[in-house]
């Protein structure tokens, strides 16, 4: 069984193992490709069949990752309307993401 951790970033939780690539929300706007991104909110760590669950985070646990690319998500349309009132608003939104590769799980 491989080692894994559950981390929280951008209001979402991710289950990650060493070597995984995932898309996370861009919360730090100045990171470039190759920069390190450290996740400090680790909710659960499983290493060598021993599971540590945090309350709410595991003390001293870190997940180190490296930024592979800065990407933008697909465009979503936000449409608001109130019927019979003549009110319509149409907006578009594209979320910024970092594609990161998990380098190490430290607990």
PDB file of N, CA and C in Angstrom:
ATOM      1  N   UNK A   1       0.848  -1.179   0.000  1.00  0.00           N
ATOM      2  CA  UNK A   1       0.000   0.000   0.000  1.00  0.00           C
ATOM      3  C   UNK A   1       0.891   1.240   0.000  1.00  0.00           C
ATOM      4  N   UNK A   2       0.553   2.182  -0.865  1.00  0.00           N
ATOM      5  CA  UNK A   2       1.400   3.363  -0.985  1.00  0.00           C
ATOM      6  C   UNK A   2       1.042   4.397   0.075  1.00  0.00           C
ATOM      7  N   UNK A   3       1.994   5.268   0.340  1.00  0.00           N
ATOM      8  CA  UNK A   3       1.774   6.350   1.289  1.00  0.00           C
ATOM      9  C   UNK A   3       0.928   7.418   0.622  1.00  0.00           C
ATOM     10  N   UNK A   4       0.037   8.015   1.394  1.00  0.00           N
ATOM     11  CA  UNK A   4      -0.796   9.080   0.843  1.00  0.00           C
ATOM     12  C   UNK A   4      -1.148  10.065   1.950  1.00  0.00           C
ATOM     13  N   UNK A   5      -1.693  11.211   1.515  1.00  0.00           N
ATOM     14  CA  UNK A   5      -2.120  12.237   2.456  1.00  0.00           C
ATOM     15  C   UNK A   5      -3.365  12.901   1.899  1.00  0.00           C
ATOM     16  N   UNK A   6      -4.138  13.495   2.788  1.00  0.00           N
ATOM     17  CA  UNK A   6      -5.288  14.304   2.390  1.00  0.00           C
ATOM     18  C   UNK A   6      -4.959  15.740   2.785  1.00  0.00           C
ATOM     19  N   UNK A   7      -4.957  16.628   1.767  1.00  0.00           N
ATOM     20  CA  UNK A   7      -4.607  18.026   2.012  1.00  0.00           C
ATOM     21  C   UNK A   7      -5.805  18.904   1.687  1.00  0.00           C
ATOM     22  N   UNK A   8      -5.791  20.111   2.249  1.00  0.00           N
ATOM     23  CA  UNK A   8      -6.820  21.098   1.943  1.00  0.00           C
ATOM     24  C   UNK A   8      -6.148  22.301   1.311  1.00  0.00           C
ATOM     25  N   UNK A   9      -6.711  22.766   0.180  1.00  0.00           N
ATOM     26  CA  UNK A   9      -6.182  23.945  -0.501  1.00  0.00           C
ATOM     27  C   UNK A   9      -7.309  24.579  -1.297  1.00  0.00           C
ATOM     28  N   UNK A  10      -7.503  25.864  -1.094  1.00  0.00           N
ATOM     29  CA  UNK A  10      -8.537  26.572  -1.852  1.00  0.00           C
ATOM     30  C   UNK A  10      -9.943  26.110  -1.520  1.00  0.00           C
ATOM     31  N   UNK A  11     -10.157  25.649  -0.287  1.00  0.00           N
ATOM     32  CA  UNK A  11     -11.490  25.211   0.116  1.00  0.00           C
ATOM     33  C   UNK A  11     -11.847  23.814  -0.347  1.00  0.00           C
ATOM     34  N   UNK A  12     -10.912  23.092  -0.949  1.00  0.00           N
ATOM     35  CA  UNK A  12     -11.168  21.734  -1.425  1.00  0.00           C
ATOM     36  C   UNK A  12     -10.156  20.786  -0.794  1.00  0.00           C
ATOM     37  N   UNK A  13     -10.518  19.514  -0.717  1.00  0.00           N
ATOM     38  CA  UNK A  13      -9.615  18.507  -0.172  1.00  0.00           C
ATOM     39  C   UNK A  13      -9.177  17.571  -1.294  1.00  0.00           C
ATOM     40  N   UNK A  14      -7.900  17.191  -1.258  1.00  0.00           N
ATOM     41  CA  UNK A  14      -7.319  16.328  -2.280  1.00  0.00           C
ATOM     42  C   UNK A  14      -6.597  15.171  -1.603  1.00  0.00           C
ATOM     43  N   UNK A  15      -6.731  13.977  -2.181  1.00  0.00           N
ATOM     44  CA  UNK A  15      -5.971  12.810  -1.726  1.00  0.00           C
ATOM     45  C   UNK A  15      -4.774  12.698  -2.653  1.00  0.00           C
ATOM     46  N   UNK A  16      -3.558  12.800  -2.103  1.00  0.00           N
ATOM     47  CA  UNK A  16      -2.357  12.843  -2.927  1.00  0.00           C
ATOM     48  C   UNK A  16      -1.357  11.785  -2.477  1.00  0.00           C
ATOM     49  N   UNK A  17      -0.598  11.299  -3.444  1.00  0.00           N
ATOM     50  CA  UNK A  17       0.538  10.411  -3.191  1.00  0.00           C
ATOM     51  C   UNK A  17       1.759  11.032  -3.850  1.00  0.00           C
ATOM     52  N   UNK A  18       2.930  10.556  -3.512  1.00  0.00           N
ATOM     53  CA  UNK A  18       4.153  11.059  -4.118  1.00  0.00           C
ATOM     54  C   UNK A  18       4.152  10.747  -5.616  1.00  0.00           C
ATOM     55  N   UNK A  19       4.426  11.776  -6.413  1.00  0.00           N
ATOM     56  CA  UNK A  19       4.439  11.621  -7.866  1.00  0.00           C
ATOM     57  C   UNK A  19       3.137  12.004  -8.549  1.00  0.00           C
ATOM     58  N   UNK A  20       2.078  12.244  -7.790  1.00  0.00           N
ATOM     59  CA  UNK A  20       0.792  12.635  -8.381  1.00  0.00           C
ATOM     60  C   UNK A  20       0.868  14.042  -8.959  1.00  0.00           C
ATOM     61  N   UNK A  21       0.107  14.273 -10.036  1.00  0.00           N
ATOM     62  CA  UNK A  21      -0.075  15.616 -10.577  1.00  0.00           C
ATOM     63  C   UNK A  21      -1.532  16.002 -10.379  1.00  0.00           C
ATOM     64  N   UNK A  22      -1.761  17.244  -9.930  1.00  0.00           N
ATOM     65  CA  UNK A  22      -3.129  17.687  -9.729  1.00  0.00           C
ATOM     66  C   UNK A  22      -3.245  19.175 -10.013  1.00  0.00           C
ATOM     67  N   UNK A  23      -4.473  19.608 -10.261  1.00  0.00           N
ATOM     68  CA  UNK A  23      -4.786  21.018 -10.472  1.00  0.00           C
ATOM     69  C   UNK A  23      -5.283  21.603  -9.171  1.00  0.00           C
ATOM     70  N   UNK A  24      -4.640  22.680  -8.705  1.00  0.00           N
ATOM     71  CA  UNK A  24      -5.094  23.375  -7.502  1.00  0.00           C
ATOM     72  C   UNK A  24      -5.313  24.835  -7.853  1.00  0.00           C
ATOM     73  N   UNK A  25      -6.190  25.487  -7.111  1.00  0.00           N
ATOM     74  CA  UNK A  25      -6.478  26.887  -7.366  1.00  0.00           C
ATOM     75  C   UNK A  25      -5.248  27.742  -7.134  1.00  0.00           C
ATOM     76  N   UNK A  26      -5.109  28.782  -7.955  1.00  0.00           N
ATOM     77  CA  UNK A  26      -3.956  29.672  -7.856  1.00  0.00           C
ATOM     78  C   UNK A  26      -4.220  30.672  -6.743  1.00  0.00           C
ATOM     79  N   UNK A  27      -3.644  30.417  -5.560  1.00  0.00           N
ATOM     80  CA  UNK A  27      -3.822  31.316  -4.423  1.00  0.00           C
ATOM     81  C   UNK A  27      -2.635  32.244  -4.248  1.00  0.00           C
ATOM     82  N   UNK A  28      -1.489  31.884  -4.821  1.00  0.00           N
ATOM     83  CA  UNK A  28      -0.308  32.743  -4.798  1.00  0.00           C
ATOM     84  C   UNK A  28       0.003  33.113  -6.247  1.00  0.00           C
ATOM     85  N   UNK A  29      -0.219  34.360  -6.640  1.00  0.00           N
ATOM     86  CA  UNK A  29      -0.163  34.698  -8.067  1.00  0.00           C
ATOM     87  C   UNK A  29       1.230  34.792  -8.666  1.00  0.00           C
ATOM     88  N   UNK A  30       2.288  34.736  -7.875  1.00  0.00           N
ATOM     89  CA  UNK A  30       3.614  35.007  -8.401  1.00  0.00           C
ATOM     90  C   UNK A  30       4.495  33.773  -8.556  1.00  0.00           C
ATOM     91  N   UNK A  31       3.944  32.569  -8.560  1.00  0.00           N
ATOM     92  CA  UNK A  31       4.752  31.359  -8.709  1.00  0.00           C
ATOM     93  C   UNK A  31       4.984  31.054 -10.185  1.00  0.00           C
ATOM     94  N   UNK A  32       6.193  30.629 -10.500  1.00  0.00           N
ATOM     95  CA  UNK A  32       6.573  30.271 -11.865  1.00  0.00           C
ATOM     96  C   UNK A  32       6.771  28.764 -11.955  1.00  0.00           C
ATOM     97  N   UNK A  33       6.929  28.278 -13.176  1.00  0.00           N
ATOM     98  CA  UNK A  33       7.194  26.862 -13.385  1.00  0.00           C
ATOM     99  C   UNK A  33       8.511  26.481 -12.708  1.00  0.00           C
ATOM    100  N   UNK A  34       8.473  25.428 -11.906  1.00  0.00           N
ATOM    101  CA  UNK A  34       9.658  24.977 -11.185  1.00  0.00           C
ATOM    102  C   UNK A  34       9.720  25.449  -9.750  1.00  0.00           C
ATOM    103  N   UNK A  35       8.865  26.401  -9.363  1.00  0.00           N
ATOM    104  CA  UNK A  35       8.848  26.874  -7.976  1.00  0.00           C
ATOM    105  C   UNK A  35       8.215  25.823  -7.070  1.00  0.00           C
ATOM    106  N   UNK A  36       8.557  25.895  -5.784  1.00  0.00           N
ATOM    107  CA  UNK A  36       7.999  24.966  -4.801  1.00  0.00           C
ATOM    108  C   UNK A  36       6.712  25.529  -4.216  1.00  0.00           C
ATOM    109  N   UNK A  37       5.757  24.647  -3.972  1.00  0.00           N
ATOM    110  CA  UNK A  37       4.504  24.995  -3.312  1.00  0.00           C
ATOM    111  C   UNK A  37       4.327  24.003  -2.171  1.00  0.00           C
ATOM    112  N   UNK A  38       4.228  24.518  -0.948  1.00  0.00           N
ATOM    113  CA  UNK A  38       4.126  23.667   0.243  1.00  0.00           C
ATOM    114  C   UNK A  38       2.702  23.747   0.780  1.00  0.00           C
ATOM    115  N   UNK A  39       2.091  22.587   0.962  1.00  0.00           N
ATOM    116  CA  UNK A  39       0.758  22.502   1.540  1.00  0.00           C
ATOM    117  C   UNK A  39       0.919  22.194   3.024  1.00  0.00           C
ATOM    118  N   UNK A  40       0.487  23.119   3.872  1.00  0.00           N
ATOM    119  CA  UNK A  40       0.645  22.945   5.313  1.00  0.00           C
ATOM    120  C   UNK A  40      -0.620  22.420   5.984  1.00  0.00           C
ATOM    121  N   UNK A  41      -1.767  22.523   5.317  1.00  0.00           N
ATOM    122  CA  UNK A  41      -3.014  22.018   5.897  1.00  0.00           C
ATOM    123  C   UNK A  41      -3.201  20.559   5.472  1.00  0.00           C
ATOM    124  N   UNK A  42      -2.576  19.669   6.232  1.00  0.00           N
ATOM    125  CA  UNK A  42      -2.639  18.234   5.973  1.00  0.00           C
ATOM    126  C   UNK A  42      -3.629  17.631   6.959  1.00  0.00           C
ATOM    127  N   UNK A  43      -4.698  17.053   6.434  1.00  0.00           N
ATOM    128  CA  UNK A  43      -5.773  16.518   7.278  1.00  0.00           C
ATOM    129  C   UNK A  43      -5.509  15.084   7.737  1.00  0.00           C
ATOM    130  N   UNK A  44      -4.811  14.304   6.893  1.00  0.00           N
ATOM    131  CA  UNK A  44      -4.605  12.883   7.186  1.00  0.00           C
ATOM    132  C   UNK A  44      -3.310  12.444   6.519  1.00  0.00           C
ATOM    133  N   UNK A  45      -2.562  11.595   7.195  1.00  0.00           N
ATOM    134  CA  UNK A  45      -1.334  11.032   6.637  1.00  0.00           C
ATOM    135  C   UNK A  45      -1.366   9.529   6.860  1.00  0.00           C
ATOM    136  N   UNK A  46      -1.094   8.760   5.798  1.00  0.00           N
ATOM    137  CA  UNK A  46      -1.006   7.312   5.898  1.00  0.00           C
ATOM    138  C   UNK A  46       0.375   6.891   5.409  1.00  0.00           C
ATOM    139  N   UNK A  47       1.197   6.371   6.327  1.00  0.00           N
ATOM    140  CA  UNK A  47       2.538   5.902   5.989  1.00  0.00           C
ATOM    141  C   UNK A  47       2.777   4.570   6.664  1.00  0.00           C
ATOM    142  N   UNK A  48       3.235   3.589   5.890  1.00  0.00           N
ATOM    143  CA  UNK A  48       3.569   2.256   6.409  1.00  0.00           C
ATOM    144  C   UNK A  48       2.403   1.655   7.194  1.00  0.00           C
ATOM    145  N   UNK A  49       1.220   1.721   6.666  1.00  0.00           N
ATOM    146  CA  UNK A  49      -0.008   1.180   7.266  1.00  0.00           C
ATOM    147  C   UNK A  49      -0.361   1.822   8.598  1.00  0.00           C
ATOM    148  N   UNK A  50       0.224   2.989   8.909  1.00  0.00           N
ATOM    149  CA  UNK A  50      -0.144   3.742  10.102  1.00  0.00           C
ATOM    150  C   UNK A  50      -0.844   5.015   9.641  1.00  0.00           C
ATOM    151  N   UNK A  51      -2.051   5.235  10.135  1.00  0.00           N
ATOM    152  CA  UNK A  51      -2.846   6.384   9.723  1.00  0.00           C
ATOM    153  C   UNK A  51      -2.901   7.388  10.865  1.00  0.00           C
ATOM    154  N   UNK A  52      -2.561   8.654  10.555  1.00  0.00           N
ATOM    155  CA  UNK A  52      -2.666   9.740  11.531  1.00  0.00           C
ATOM    156  C   UNK A  52      -3.708  10.716  11.023  1.00  0.00           C
ATOM    157  N   UNK A  53      -4.720  10.969  11.840  1.00  0.00           N
ATOM    158  CA  UNK A  53      -5.793  11.885  11.485  1.00  0.00           C
ATOM    159  C   UNK A  53      -5.659  13.129  12.345  1.00  0.00           C
ATOM    160  N   UNK A  54      -5.756  14.306  11.719  1.00  0.00           N
ATOM    161  CA  UNK A  54      -5.610  15.555  12.448  1.00  0.00           C
ATOM    162  C   UNK A  54      -6.906  16.042  13.049  1.00  0.00           C
ATOM    163  N   UNK A  55      -6.776  17.011  13.952  1.00  0.00           N
ATOM    164  CA  UNK A  55      -7.940  17.620  14.596  1.00  0.00           C
ATOM    165  C   UNK A  55      -7.818  19.134  14.518  1.00  0.00           C
ATOM    166  N   UNK A  56      -8.008  19.824  13.445  1.00  0.00           N
ATOM    167  CA  UNK A  56      -8.349  19.342  12.110  1.00  0.00           C
ATOM    168  C   UNK A  56      -7.127  19.014  11.260  1.00  0.00           C
ATOM    169  N   UNK A  57      -5.899  19.469  11.649  1.00  0.00           N
ATOM    170  CA  UNK A  57      -4.716  19.174  10.838  1.00  0.00           C
ATOM    171  C   UNK A  57      -3.732  18.342  11.658  1.00  0.00           C
ATOM    172  N   UNK A  58      -2.877  17.609  10.946  1.00  0.00           N
ATOM    173  CA  UNK A  58      -1.844  16.800  11.585  1.00  0.00           C
ATOM    174  C   UNK A  58      -0.675  17.717  11.923  1.00  0.00           C
ATOM    175  N   UNK A  59      -0.256  17.727  13.186  1.00  0.00           N
ATOM    176  CA  UNK A  59       0.842  18.591  13.619  1.00  0.00           C
ATOM    177  C   UNK A  59       2.150  18.166  12.965  1.00  0.00           C
ATOM    178  N   UNK A  60       2.859  19.149  12.398  1.00  0.00           N
ATOM    179  CA  UNK A  60       4.177  18.902  11.819  1.00  0.00           C
ATOM    180  C   UNK A  60       4.176  18.225  10.467  1.00  0.00           C
ATOM    181  N   UNK A  61       3.037  18.039   9.856  1.00  0.00           N
ATOM    182  CA  UNK A  61       2.973  17.368   8.557  1.00  0.00           C
ATOM    183  C   UNK A  61       2.979  18.396   7.430  1.00  0.00           C
ATOM    184  N   UNK A  62       3.716  18.090   6.378  1.00  0.00           N
ATOM    185  CA  UNK A  62       3.811  18.948   5.191  1.00  0.00           C
ATOM    186  C   UNK A  62       3.725  18.084   3.947  1.00  0.00           C
ATOM    187  N   UNK A  63       3.214  18.667   2.872  1.00  0.00           N
ATOM    188  CA  UNK A  63       3.282  18.036   1.564  1.00  0.00           C
ATOM    189  C   UNK A  63       4.001  19.016   0.649  1.00  0.00           C
ATOM    190  N   UNK A  64       5.156  18.603   0.141  1.00  0.00           N
ATOM    191  CA  UNK A  64       5.950  19.461  -0.742  1.00  0.00           C
ATOM    192  C   UNK A  64       5.638  19.112  -2.191  1.00  0.00           C
ATOM    193  N   UNK A  65       5.443  20.159  -2.994  1.00  0.00           N
ATOM    194  CA  UNK A  65       5.142  19.948  -4.410  1.00  0.00           C
ATOM    195  C   UNK A  65       5.883  20.980  -5.234  1.00  0.00           C
ATOM    196  N   UNK A  66       5.902  20.757  -6.544  1.00  0.00           N
ATOM    197  CA  UNK A  66       6.576  21.642  -7.475  1.00  0.00           C
ATOM    198  C   UNK A  66       5.591  22.039  -8.569  1.00  0.00           C
ATOM    199  N   UNK A  67       5.587  23.315  -8.929  1.00  0.00           N
ATOM    200  CA  UNK A  67       4.676  23.820  -9.961  1.00  0.00           C
ATOM    201  C   UNK A  67       5.172  23.345 -11.322  1.00  0.00           C
ATOM    202  N   UNK A  68       4.289  22.651 -12.059  1.00  0.00           N
ATOM    203  CA  UNK A  68       4.617  22.171 -13.395  1.00  0.00           C
ATOM    204  C   UNK A  68       4.207  23.212 -14.431  1.00  0.00           C
ATOM    205  N   UNK A  69       3.027  23.838 -14.238  1.00  0.00           N
ATOM    206  CA  UNK A  69       2.539  24.826 -15.201  1.00  0.00           C
ATOM    207  C   UNK A  69       1.467  25.684 -14.551  1.00  0.00           C
ATOM    208  N   UNK A  70       1.271  26.866 -15.117  1.00  0.00           N
ATOM    209  CA  UNK A  70       0.147  27.721 -14.767  1.00  0.00           C
ATOM    210  C   UNK A  70      -0.872  27.597 -15.878  1.00  0.00           C
ATOM    211  N   UNK A  71      -2.081  27.204 -15.548  1.00  0.00           N
ATOM    212  CA  UNK A  71      -3.106  26.980 -16.572  1.00  0.00           C
ATOM    213  C   UNK A  71      -4.384  27.708 -16.183  1.00  0.00           C
ATOM    214  N   UNK A  72      -5.280  27.840 -17.149  1.00  0.00           N
ATOM    215  CA  UNK A  72      -6.589  28.424 -16.895  1.00  0.00           C
ATOM    216  C   UNK A  72      -7.648  27.379 -17.217  1.00  0.00           C
ATOM    217  N   UNK A  73      -8.694  27.362 -16.416  1.00  0.00           N
ATOM    218  CA  UNK A  73      -9.768  26.397 -16.616  1.00  0.00           C
ATOM    219  C   UNK A  73     -10.676  26.799 -17.763  1.00  0.00           C
ATOM    220  N   UNK A  74     -11.649  25.956 -18.037  1.00  0.00           N
ATOM    221  CA  UNK A  74     -12.635  26.249 -19.071  1.00  0.00           C
ATOM    222  C   UNK A  74     -13.502  27.419 -18.634  1.00  0.00           C
ATOM    223  N   UNK A  75     -14.043  28.128 -19.623  1.00  0.00           N
ATOM    224  CA  UNK A  75     -14.918  29.247 -19.317  1.00  0.00           C
ATOM    225  C   UNK A  75     -16.276  28.730 -18.867  1.00  0.00           C
ATOM    226  N   UNK A  76     -16.783  29.307 -17.794  1.00  0.00           N
ATOM    227  CA  UNK A  76     -18.144  29.004 -17.366  1.00  0.00           C
ATOM    228  C   UNK A  76     -18.973  30.269 -17.527  1.00  0.00           C
ATOM    229  N   UNK A  77     -20.235  30.102 -17.805  1.00  0.00           N
ATOM    230  CA  UNK A  77     -21.151  31.221 -17.982  1.00  0.00           C
ATOM    231  C   UNK A  77     -21.998  31.352 -16.725  1.00  0.00           C
ATOM    232  N   UNK A  78     -22.020  32.555 -16.152  1.00  0.00           N
ATOM    233  CA  UNK A  78     -22.840  32.848 -14.984  1.00  0.00           C
ATOM    234  C   UNK A  78     -23.998  33.702 -15.483  1.00  0.00           C
ATOM    235  N   UNK A  79     -25.214  33.165 -15.452  1.00  0.00           N
ATOM    236  CA  UNK A  79     -26.384  33.866 -15.980  1.00  0.00           C
ATOM    237  C   UNK A  79     -27.402  34.043 -14.862  1.00  0.00           C
ATOM    238  N   UNK A  80     -27.786  35.284 -14.616  1.00  0.00           N
ATOM    239  CA  UNK A  80     -28.778  35.594 -13.587  1.00  0.00           C
ATOM    240  C   UNK A  80     -29.993  36.192 -14.265  1.00  0.00           C
ATOM    241  N   UNK A  81     -31.179  35.830 -13.771  1.00  0.00           N
ATOM    242  CA  UNK A  81     -32.410  36.354 -14.346  1.00  0.00           C
ATOM    243  C   UNK A  81     -33.501  36.362 -13.297  1.00  0.00           C
ATOM    244  N   UNK A  82     -34.282  37.415 -13.291  1.00  0.00           N
ATOM    245  CA  UNK A  82     -35.495  37.470 -12.479  1.00  0.00           C
ATOM    246  C   UNK A  82     -36.675  37.558 -13.442  1.00  0.00           C
ATOM    247  N   UNK A  83     -37.533  36.588 -13.359  1.00  0.00           N
ATOM    248  CA  UNK A  83     -38.615  36.530 -14.340  1.00  0.00           C
ATOM    249  C   UNK A  83     -39.598  37.678 -14.161  1.00  0.00           C
ATOM    250  N   UNK A  84     -40.102  38.137 -15.266  1.00  0.00           N
ATOM    251  CA  UNK A  84     -41.103  39.210 -15.369  1.00  0.00           C
ATOM    252  C   UNK A  84     -40.594  40.552 -14.866  1.00  0.00           C
ATOM    253  N   UNK A  85     -39.313  40.720 -14.616  1.00  0.00           N
ATOM    254  CA  UNK A  85     -38.787  41.977 -14.106  1.00  0.00           C
ATOM    255  C   UNK A  85     -37.852  42.664 -15.100  1.00  0.00           C
ATOM    256  N   UNK A  86     -37.536  41.995 -16.189  1.00  0.00           N
ATOM    257  CA  UNK A  86     -36.636  42.581 -17.177  1.00  0.00           C
ATOM    258  C   UNK A  86     -35.185  42.602 -16.737  1.00  0.00           C
ATOM    259  N   UNK A  87     -34.834  41.767 -15.776  1.00  0.00           N
ATOM    260  CA  UNK A  87     -33.479  41.742 -15.236  1.00  0.00           C
ATOM    261  C   UNK A  87     -32.738  40.516 -15.757  1.00  0.00           C
ATOM    262  N   UNK A  88     -31.639  40.752 -16.485  1.00  0.00           N
ATOM    263  CA  UNK A  88     -30.781  39.668 -16.966  1.00  0.00           C
ATOM    264  C   UNK A  88     -29.337  40.134 -16.866  1.00  0.00           C
ATOM    265  N   UNK A  89     -28.457  39.259 -16.413  1.00  0.00           N
ATOM    266  CA  UNK A  89     -27.031  39.544 -16.376  1.00  0.00           C
ATOM    267  C   UNK A  89     -26.290  38.296 -16.841  1.00  0.00           C
ATOM    268  N   UNK A  90     -25.355  38.486 -17.764  1.00  0.00           N
ATOM    269  CA  UNK A  90     -24.556  37.367 -18.256  1.00  0.00           C
ATOM    270  C   UNK A  90     -23.095  37.709 -18.042  1.00  0.00           C
ATOM    271  N   UNK A  91     -22.392  36.808 -17.358  1.00  0.00           N
ATOM    272  CA  UNK A  91     -20.979  36.988 -17.071  1.00  0.00           C
ATOM    273  C   UNK A  91     -20.236  35.704 -17.395  1.00  0.00           C
ATOM    274  N   UNK A  92     -18.979  35.833 -17.770  1.00  0.00           N
ATOM    275  CA  UNK A  92     -18.122  34.681 -17.976  1.00  0.00           C
ATOM    276  C   UNK A  92     -17.010  34.676 -16.938  1.00  0.00           C
ATOM    277  N   UNK A  93     -16.450  33.485 -16.683  1.00  0.00           N
ATOM    278  CA  UNK A  93     -15.381  33.378 -15.688  1.00  0.00           C
ATOM    279  C   UNK A  93     -14.463  32.223 -16.076  1.00  0.00           C
ATOM    280  N   UNK A  94     -13.149  32.476 -15.966  1.00  0.00           N
ATOM    281  CA  UNK A  94     -12.153  31.419 -16.130  1.00  0.00           C
ATOM    282  C   UNK A  94     -11.277  31.395 -14.889  1.00  0.00           C
ATOM    283  N   UNK A  95     -11.214  30.248 -14.238  1.00  0.00           N
ATOM    284  CA  UNK A  95     -10.437  30.109 -13.015  1.00  0.00           C
ATOM    285  C   UNK A  95      -8.974  29.846 -13.351  1.00  0.00           C
ATOM    286  N   UNK A  96      -8.076  30.457 -12.592  1.00  0.00           N
ATOM    287  CA  UNK A  96      -6.641  30.211 -12.742  1.00  0.00           C
ATOM    288  C   UNK A  96      -6.232  29.046 -11.842  1.00  0.00           C
ATOM    289  N   UNK A  97      -5.390  28.154 -12.382  1.00  0.00           N
ATOM    290  CA  UNK A  97      -4.942  26.970 -11.653  1.00  0.00           C
ATOM    291  C   UNK A  97      -3.429  26.829 -11.754  1.00  0.00           C
ATOM    292  N   UNK A  98      -2.864  26.082 -10.814  1.00  0.00           N
ATOM    293  CA  UNK A  98      -1.499  25.582 -10.918  1.00  0.00           C
ATOM    294  C   UNK A  98      -1.586  24.073 -11.098  1.00  0.00           C
ATOM    295  N   UNK A  99      -0.836  23.549 -12.064  1.00  0.00           N
ATOM    296  CA  UNK A  99      -0.665  22.094 -12.171  1.00  0.00           C
ATOM    297  C   UNK A  99       0.598  21.781 -11.375  1.00  0.00           C
ATOM    298  N   UNK A 100       0.452  20.984 -10.306  1.00  0.00           N
ATOM    299  CA  UNK A 100       1.584  20.700  -9.426  1.00  0.00           C
ATOM    300  C   UNK A 100       1.848  19.195  -9.386  1.00  0.00           C
ATOM    301  N   UNK A 101       3.114  18.853  -9.136  1.00  0.00           N
ATOM    302  CA  UNK A 101       3.517  17.460  -8.943  1.00  0.00           C
ATOM    303  C   UNK A 101       3.975  17.307  -7.504  1.00  0.00           C
ATOM    304  N   UNK A 102       3.422  16.334  -6.802  1.00  0.00           N
ATOM    305  CA  UNK A 102       3.755  16.111  -5.392  1.00  0.00           C
ATOM    306  C   UNK A 102       5.131  15.461  -5.325  1.00  0.00           C
ATOM    307  N   UNK A 103       6.044  16.120  -4.590  1.00  0.00           N
ATOM    308  CA  UNK A 103       7.428  15.630  -4.478  1.00  0.00           C
ATOM    309  C   UNK A 103       7.617  14.773  -3.222  1.00  0.00           C
ATOM    310  N   UNK A 104       7.055  15.196  -2.080  1.00  0.00           N
ATOM    311  CA  UNK A 104       7.306  14.466  -0.832  1.00  0.00           C
ATOM    312  C   UNK A 104       6.170  14.706   0.144  1.00  0.00           C
ATOM    313  N   UNK A 105       5.926  13.700   0.975  1.00  0.00           N
ATOM    314  CA  UNK A 105       4.973  13.806   2.090  1.00  0.00           C
ATOM    315  C   UNK A 105       5.804  13.651   3.362  1.00  0.00           C
ATOM    316  N   UNK A 106       5.832  14.728   4.166  1.00  0.00           N
ATOM    317  CA  UNK A 106       6.645  14.731   5.389  1.00  0.00           C
ATOM    318  C   UNK A 106       5.716  14.744   6.589  1.00  0.00           C
ATOM    319  N   UNK A 107       5.902  13.769   7.473  1.00  0.00           N
ATOM    320  CA  UNK A 107       5.049  13.714   8.663  1.00  0.00           C
ATOM    321  C   UNK A 107       5.882  13.407   9.891  1.00  0.00           C
TER     322      UNK A 107
END
